[in-house]
Protein backbone atom coordinates (compact mmCIF):
# COMPACT_ATOMS: atom_id res chain seq x y z
CA MET A 1 -3.81 -8.22 20.93
CA LYS A 2 -2.18 -6.81 17.79
CA GLN A 3 2.17 -6.79 18.22
CA ILE A 4 5.31 -5.67 15.88
CA ILE A 5 7.57 -8.64 16.16
CA GLN A 6 10.62 -8.95 14.29
CA SER A 7 12.05 -12.26 13.09
CA LEU A 8 16.08 -12.13 14.29
CA LYS A 9 16.68 -14.84 11.13
CA THR A 10 15.46 -12.83 8.22
CA GLY A 11 14.50 -9.34 9.75
CA GLN A 12 10.85 -9.76 8.72
CA THR A 13 9.22 -7.11 10.45
CA LYS A 14 5.25 -7.99 10.91
CA VAL A 15 2.23 -7.65 12.97
CA GLU A 16 1.02 -10.43 15.45
CA GLU A 17 -2.48 -11.40 17.26
CA ILE A 18 -0.96 -11.91 20.86
CA PRO A 19 -2.56 -12.38 24.57
CA ILE A 20 -3.22 -9.67 26.57
CA PRO A 21 -0.31 -9.89 28.99
CA TYR A 22 -1.63 -10.38 32.56
CA SER A 23 -0.65 -7.37 35.32
CA SER A 24 2.07 -8.46 38.09
CA PRO A 25 2.21 -7.10 41.62
CA GLY A 26 4.73 -4.21 40.57
CA SER A 27 3.43 -3.03 37.13
CA LEU A 28 1.24 -1.21 35.42
CA LEU A 29 -1.17 -2.66 32.19
CA ILE A 30 -1.05 -0.25 29.75
CA LYS A 31 -3.57 -0.02 26.94
CA THR A 32 -1.34 2.31 24.07
CA SER A 33 -2.62 4.95 22.21
CA LYS A 34 0.92 6.01 20.81
CA THR A 35 4.03 4.60 20.08
CA LEU A 36 7.16 5.73 18.46
CA ILE A 37 9.53 4.25 16.36
CA SER A 38 13.44 5.35 17.07
CA THR A 39 14.58 5.43 13.41
CA GLY A 40 18.28 4.93 15.16
CA THR A 41 18.27 2.48 17.38
CA GLU A 42 15.34 0.24 15.46
CA ARG A 43 16.64 0.70 12.23
CA MET A 44 19.86 -1.06 13.85
CA LEU A 45 17.22 -3.96 14.90
CA VAL A 46 16.11 -4.71 11.26
CA GLU A 47 19.27 -4.31 9.32
CA PHE A 48 20.87 -6.78 11.62
CA GLY A 49 17.78 -9.19 11.26
CA LYS A 50 18.28 -8.94 7.73
CA ALA A 51 21.92 -9.89 7.44
CA GLY A 52 23.15 -12.77 6.89
CA LEU A 53 24.43 -15.38 9.11
CA LEU A 54 28.39 -14.15 8.32
CA LYS A 55 27.86 -10.73 8.68
CA LYS A 56 25.89 -11.22 12.04
CA ALA A 57 28.34 -12.89 13.42
CA SER A 58 31.09 -10.13 12.32
CA GLN A 59 28.49 -7.72 13.43
CA GLN A 60 28.62 -9.19 17.24
CA PRO A 61 32.76 -11.11 17.26
CA GLU A 62 32.12 -11.13 20.85
CA LYS A 63 29.33 -13.25 20.41
CA VAL A 64 31.15 -15.43 18.11
CA LYS A 65 33.20 -16.14 21.00
CA MET A 66 31.02 -17.09 23.47
CA VAL A 67 29.93 -19.85 20.48
CA LEU A 68 33.30 -20.91 19.76
CA ASP A 69 33.49 -21.75 23.82
CA LYS A 70 30.21 -23.63 23.91
CA VAL A 71 31.20 -25.49 21.26
CA PHE A 72 34.73 -27.06 23.42
CA THR A 73 32.56 -27.27 25.88
CA ASP A 74 29.09 -28.59 24.82
CA GLY A 75 29.77 -29.65 21.80
CA LEU A 76 29.04 -29.10 17.39
CA LYS A 77 25.93 -30.07 17.43
CA SER A 78 24.42 -28.76 20.50
CA THR A 79 25.93 -25.33 19.82
CA ILE A 80 24.73 -25.21 16.69
CA GLU A 81 20.84 -26.35 17.97
CA SER A 82 21.35 -23.31 20.37
CA VAL A 83 22.03 -20.58 18.16
CA PHE A 84 19.73 -21.57 16.11
CA ASN A 85 17.25 -21.24 18.28
CA LYS A 86 17.91 -18.14 19.66
CA ILE A 87 17.77 -16.83 15.94
CA ASP A 88 14.25 -18.58 16.00
CA GLN A 89 12.91 -16.53 18.91
CA PRO A 90 10.65 -13.32 17.80
CA LEU A 91 11.58 -10.11 19.21
CA PRO A 92 9.35 -7.43 19.90
CA LEU A 93 9.73 -4.32 18.65
CA GLY A 94 9.98 -0.11 20.00
CA TYR A 95 10.83 0.92 23.75
CA CYS A 96 8.61 4.66 23.60
CA ASN A 97 4.96 3.95 24.56
CA VAL A 98 2.47 6.07 26.02
CA GLY A 99 -1.33 5.25 27.11
CA ILE A 100 -3.64 5.32 29.13
CA VAL A 101 -3.28 2.74 32.76
CA HIS A 102 -5.77 -0.58 32.18
CA GLU A 103 -5.17 -2.21 35.38
CA VAL A 104 -2.90 -1.38 38.31
CA GLY A 105 -0.83 -4.34 39.99
CA SER A 106 -1.74 -4.88 44.03
CA ALA A 107 1.42 -3.22 45.41
CA VAL A 108 1.54 -0.25 43.33
CA THR A 109 0.73 2.83 44.96
CA ASN A 110 1.45 6.30 43.47
CA PHE A 111 -0.23 5.13 40.45
CA ASN A 112 -3.81 4.64 39.39
CA LYS A 113 -6.85 3.29 36.79
CA GLY A 114 -7.21 5.66 33.76
CA ASP A 115 -4.05 7.62 34.33
CA ARG A 116 -1.90 8.82 31.00
CA VAL A 117 1.73 7.41 31.40
CA VAL A 118 4.68 7.15 29.03
CA SER A 119 6.81 3.70 29.28
CA ASN A 120 9.07 1.91 28.08
CA GLY A 121 6.70 -0.66 27.05
CA LYS A 122 6.65 -2.04 22.96
CA HIS A 123 5.04 -1.50 19.83
CA ALA A 124 1.73 -3.31 21.01
CA GLU A 125 -1.71 -2.81 21.75
CA VAL A 126 -1.31 -3.21 25.65
CA VAL A 127 1.94 -3.83 27.57
CA ASN A 128 2.80 -4.69 30.70
CA VAL A 129 5.88 -2.42 32.08
CA PRO A 130 7.23 -2.12 35.64
CA ILE A 131 6.15 1.17 38.15
CA ASN A 132 9.94 2.74 37.79
CA LEU A 133 9.80 2.96 34.54
CA CYS A 134 6.39 4.69 33.55
CA ALA A 135 5.73 8.19 34.65
CA LYS A 136 2.68 10.19 34.08
CA VAL A 137 1.69 12.89 31.51
CA PRO A 138 0.35 16.07 32.02
CA ASP A 139 -3.40 17.04 30.33
CA ILE A 140 -0.37 19.79 28.08
CA VAL A 141 1.53 17.58 26.51
CA SER A 142 0.04 15.07 23.90
CA ASP A 143 0.07 11.84 23.41
CA GLU A 144 2.52 12.54 20.13
CA GLU A 145 4.51 14.90 22.09
CA ALA A 146 5.08 12.39 24.98
CA SER A 147 6.08 9.79 22.96
CA PHE A 148 9.54 11.21 23.03
CA THR A 149 9.97 11.32 26.22
CA VAL A 150 11.80 7.98 26.46
CA ILE A 151 14.17 9.40 23.67
CA GLY A 152 14.82 11.99 25.46
CA SER A 153 15.84 10.63 28.58
CA VAL A 154 18.46 8.65 26.52
CA ALA A 155 19.49 12.61 25.27
CA LEU A 156 19.47 14.07 29.11
CA GLN A 157 21.49 10.91 30.26
CA GLY A 158 24.40 11.96 28.24
CA ILE A 159 23.89 15.75 29.55
CA ARG A 160 23.86 14.84 32.67
CA LEU A 161 26.84 13.05 32.21
CA ILE A 162 29.01 15.90 31.23
CA LYS A 163 27.39 18.40 33.78
CA PRO A 164 27.21 21.47 31.70
CA THR A 165 27.35 24.73 33.04
CA LEU A 166 25.67 27.62 31.71
CA GLY A 167 28.02 29.66 29.06
CA GLU A 168 29.68 26.20 27.92
CA ALA A 169 30.52 25.59 24.17
CA VAL A 170 29.01 22.55 23.90
CA VAL A 171 29.47 19.72 20.14
CA VAL A 172 26.58 17.25 19.12
CA ILE A 173 27.89 15.33 16.73
CA GLY A 174 25.07 13.57 14.82
CA LEU A 175 21.52 15.39 14.51
CA GLY A 176 18.86 12.73 14.68
CA LEU A 177 16.08 11.69 17.03
CA VAL A 178 18.28 12.01 20.11
CA GLY A 179 21.29 14.65 18.88
CA LEU A 180 18.24 16.99 18.16
CA MET A 181 16.89 16.66 21.42
CA THR A 182 20.47 17.20 22.68
CA VAL A 183 20.59 20.36 21.10
CA GLN A 184 17.31 21.52 22.76
CA LEU A 185 18.43 20.39 26.41
CA LEU A 186 21.40 22.05 25.99
CA LYS A 187 20.29 25.02 25.09
CA ALA A 188 17.71 24.83 28.22
CA ASN A 189 20.79 24.36 30.26
CA GLY A 190 21.98 27.76 29.11
CA CYS A 191 24.90 25.95 26.97
CA ARG A 192 26.26 27.33 23.40
CA VAL A 193 25.81 24.75 21.01
CA LEU A 194 26.93 23.43 17.47
CA GLY A 195 25.59 20.73 15.80
CA ILE A 196 27.30 18.37 13.01
CA ASP A 197 25.72 16.02 10.58
CA PHE A 198 25.64 15.28 6.86
CA ASP A 199 21.61 16.29 6.23
CA GLN A 200 20.42 19.31 5.19
CA ASN A 201 17.21 19.26 6.82
CA LYS A 202 18.65 17.74 10.51
CA LEU A 203 20.76 20.29 10.47
CA LEU A 204 18.38 23.74 9.84
CA LEU A 205 16.23 22.11 12.64
CA ALA A 206 19.24 22.28 14.73
CA LYS A 207 19.80 25.87 13.54
CA LYS A 208 15.72 25.96 14.34
CA PHE A 209 16.82 25.20 17.78
CA GLY A 210 19.19 27.69 18.53
CA ALA A 211 21.84 25.41 17.63
CA GLU A 212 25.30 26.73 15.07
CA ILE A 213 25.65 24.09 12.41
CA VAL A 214 28.60 22.29 10.70
CA ASP A 215 27.25 20.72 7.38
CA LEU A 216 30.32 17.80 6.93
CA ASN A 217 29.18 18.01 3.27
CA LYS A 218 31.19 21.17 3.02
CA GLU A 219 32.88 22.04 6.36
CA ASP A 220 35.74 20.86 8.44
CA PRO A 221 34.28 20.50 11.53
CA LEU A 222 37.74 20.81 13.51
CA ILE A 223 38.11 24.32 12.00
CA VAL A 224 34.42 25.39 12.66
CA ALA A 225 34.68 24.60 16.22
CA ASP A 226 37.77 26.27 16.86
CA ILE A 227 36.01 29.55 15.65
CA PHE A 228 33.26 28.37 17.69
CA SER A 229 35.10 28.01 21.07
CA ARG A 230 36.95 31.37 20.01
CA GLY A 231 39.93 29.48 19.84
CA ARG A 232 40.28 27.80 23.24
CA GLY A 233 38.74 23.91 22.31
CA VAL A 234 35.19 23.02 23.00
CA ASP A 235 34.19 22.14 26.65
CA ALA A 236 32.51 19.23 26.17
CA VAL A 237 31.53 16.92 22.98
CA ILE A 238 28.00 14.45 22.79
CA VAL A 239 28.10 11.88 20.16
CA THR A 240 25.69 10.82 19.63
CA ALA A 241 26.11 9.09 15.70
CA THR A 242 25.55 6.02 14.70
CA THR A 243 28.38 4.62 12.68
CA THR A 244 30.65 1.66 12.41
CA SER A 245 33.75 4.81 11.88
CA ASP A 246 36.79 5.35 14.83
CA LYS A 247 35.76 8.79 13.37
CA PRO A 248 33.71 10.88 15.57
CA ILE A 249 35.20 9.93 18.63
CA HIS A 250 38.87 10.81 16.67
CA GLN A 251 37.71 14.53 16.07
CA ALA A 252 35.65 15.13 18.80
CA ALA A 253 38.83 14.50 21.05
CA GLN A 254 40.79 16.82 18.14
CA MET A 255 37.96 19.75 19.01
CA CYS A 256 38.10 19.83 22.96
CA ARG A 257 40.08 21.53 25.67
CA LYS A 258 42.50 20.26 27.78
CA ARG A 259 40.10 18.48 30.76
CA ALA A 260 37.09 18.60 28.76
CA ARG A 261 34.33 15.79 28.49
CA ILE A 262 33.48 13.17 25.90
CA VAL A 263 30.33 11.18 26.54
CA LEU A 264 28.69 8.74 23.87
CA VAL A 265 25.20 8.09 23.34
CA GLY A 266 25.29 6.59 19.90
CA VAL A 267 27.25 4.17 18.40
CA THR A 268 30.51 4.37 17.10
CA GLY A 269 33.56 3.00 16.46
CA LEU A 270 35.26 3.08 19.64
CA LYS A 271 39.76 1.95 18.67
CA LEU A 272 40.94 5.01 20.62
CA SER A 273 44.23 7.13 20.21
CA ARG A 274 45.68 7.08 23.42
CA GLU A 275 47.80 10.11 21.83
CA ASP A 276 43.94 12.11 21.75
CA PHE A 277 43.01 11.53 25.19
CA PHE A 278 46.41 11.41 26.99
CA LYS A 279 48.22 15.27 26.84
CA LYS A 280 44.58 16.90 27.24
CA GLU A 281 43.96 14.70 29.89
CA ILE A 282 40.10 14.42 28.39
CA THR A 283 37.23 12.22 30.10
CA PHE A 284 35.72 9.45 28.40
CA GLN A 285 32.95 7.70 28.84
CA VAL A 286 29.97 5.98 27.44
CA SER A 287 25.95 7.03 28.40
CA ALA A 288 24.05 4.00 29.19
CA SER A 289 20.38 4.56 28.05
CA TYR A 290 17.74 6.50 29.93
CA GLY A 291 20.11 7.10 33.37
CA PRO A 292 20.37 5.13 36.50
CA GLY A 293 18.41 2.20 37.76
CA ARG A 294 19.18 1.01 33.58
CA TYR A 295 19.84 -2.68 33.72
CA ASP A 296 19.77 -2.96 37.11
CA GLN A 297 17.04 -6.47 37.75
CA ASN A 298 16.31 -4.61 41.48
CA TYR A 299 15.77 -1.03 39.84
CA GLU A 300 13.94 -1.78 36.77
CA GLU A 301 12.18 -4.89 37.65
CA LYS A 302 11.62 -5.23 41.09
CA GLY A 303 10.42 -1.53 41.58
CA GLN A 304 13.68 -1.17 44.28
CA ASP A 305 13.82 3.19 43.96
CA TYR A 306 17.24 4.84 44.59
CA PRO A 307 16.56 7.30 47.81
CA VAL A 308 16.40 10.74 46.42
CA GLY A 309 19.11 12.00 48.53
CA PHE A 310 21.60 9.67 47.30
CA VAL A 311 20.68 9.17 43.38
CA ARG A 312 18.50 12.66 42.44
CA TRP A 313 17.83 11.45 38.84
CA THR A 314 16.83 7.92 37.68
CA GLU A 315 15.30 6.49 34.81
CA GLN A 316 11.93 7.89 36.12
CA ARG A 317 13.14 10.89 37.15
CA ASN A 318 14.48 12.11 33.97
CA PHE A 319 11.52 10.91 32.27
CA GLU A 320 9.94 13.32 34.77
CA ALA A 321 12.03 16.24 33.78
CA VAL A 322 11.85 15.44 29.73
CA ILE A 323 8.49 15.69 30.21
CA ASP A 324 8.73 18.82 32.40
CA MET A 325 10.44 20.46 29.25
CA MET A 326 7.81 19.82 27.02
CA THR A 327 5.44 21.23 29.44
CA THR A 328 7.20 24.52 29.61
CA GLY A 329 7.81 24.75 25.73
CA ALA A 330 11.55 24.52 25.80
CA LEU A 331 11.78 21.00 24.23
CA ASN A 332 9.48 20.55 20.87
CA VAL A 333 9.04 17.70 19.54
CA LYS A 334 6.01 17.49 17.55
CA SER A 335 8.83 19.18 14.28
CA LEU A 336 10.65 15.92 14.89
CA ILE A 337 7.44 13.85 13.70
CA SER A 338 7.54 12.75 10.22
CA ASP A 339 5.42 9.69 9.57
CA ARG A 340 2.54 8.54 11.23
CA PHE A 341 1.20 5.37 10.93
CA ASP A 342 -0.99 2.67 12.11
CA ILE A 343 -0.15 -0.60 14.26
CA ALA A 344 -1.72 -2.37 10.89
CA GLU A 345 0.64 -0.87 8.65
CA ALA A 346 4.03 -1.58 10.74
CA GLU A 347 5.69 -3.32 7.53
CA LYS A 348 4.91 -0.12 5.86
CA ALA A 349 6.74 1.77 8.63
CA TYR A 350 10.02 -0.57 8.77
CA GLU A 351 10.31 -0.14 5.17
CA LEU A 352 10.41 3.37 5.20
CA VAL A 353 13.09 3.56 8.23
CA ILE A 354 15.42 0.89 6.82
CA ASN A 355 14.97 2.74 3.39
CA SER A 356 17.43 6.21 1.91
CA LYS A 357 14.55 9.01 3.04
CA PRO A 358 15.57 10.65 6.28
């Protein structure tokens, strides 16, 4: 079968023929129909791969410290061999997959062969995915729409963390895929939304989805946010931007009212100013991807679900909620599709992702 692989050493993306995976007792073997390239996360991975060794090191100082510690314990030669072995390992790309269940694990009871499902499977013709990272897709939602489910869950989890109430004024900084889905889900939640970005096309889409907008090329976001909040300061800010700058978090704090909430969904610089947060008692939190269960081996790999009475919204239940929003029309993702490629054209697709075109 075909699968999209990236070299961490060179950043080269290519399609390789690899064996079809085996299904395990608690997972589904899914024959893929559509996958979505996340232009934020995957662009970051490809750009990291294309960077030289010194630049890679500068981008991951915590890994450099681990390498230095290993030099002292294991010696220089052993450490160099380990680092280069790690870099030589191919990285499968993708985490937004839609397909048909081809085989059901022996311990699975809530899915059947032939079900259409979404998962966080890779860009591959066949994927093996644990059941807590899968959700069924109703007939009314197309494969293309369903491929946005996982990214939608990233947006939804950020919203769940700010706990918005009807009528609150919420700012979204960064209007990429996650940001534009965040705008729509906040509107569905009854919030007033202000979207901030540099890109004209993204701003126009946010406006189409019901947000007021700030063009960073022309306007001061703090002035607009003050008017937007009727001079009170905004209730919450969700930062979905990807940048090395600390400015988004600094500006988010400046535009907040007392005891407002800021949630970071994207990736930004995090040199926080105590002065920004201290006087207003602002709450700051970083969102962990799709929701409760993320990075928990017992939940994700062993299929141990959290009781719904104690954890209402898990990764899987967030998947289902996003699909429900698509079913009702509250979440429009068709207008977010820019290009379509066959899996054989993956290299061409990733060239487009890392160039300057939005």
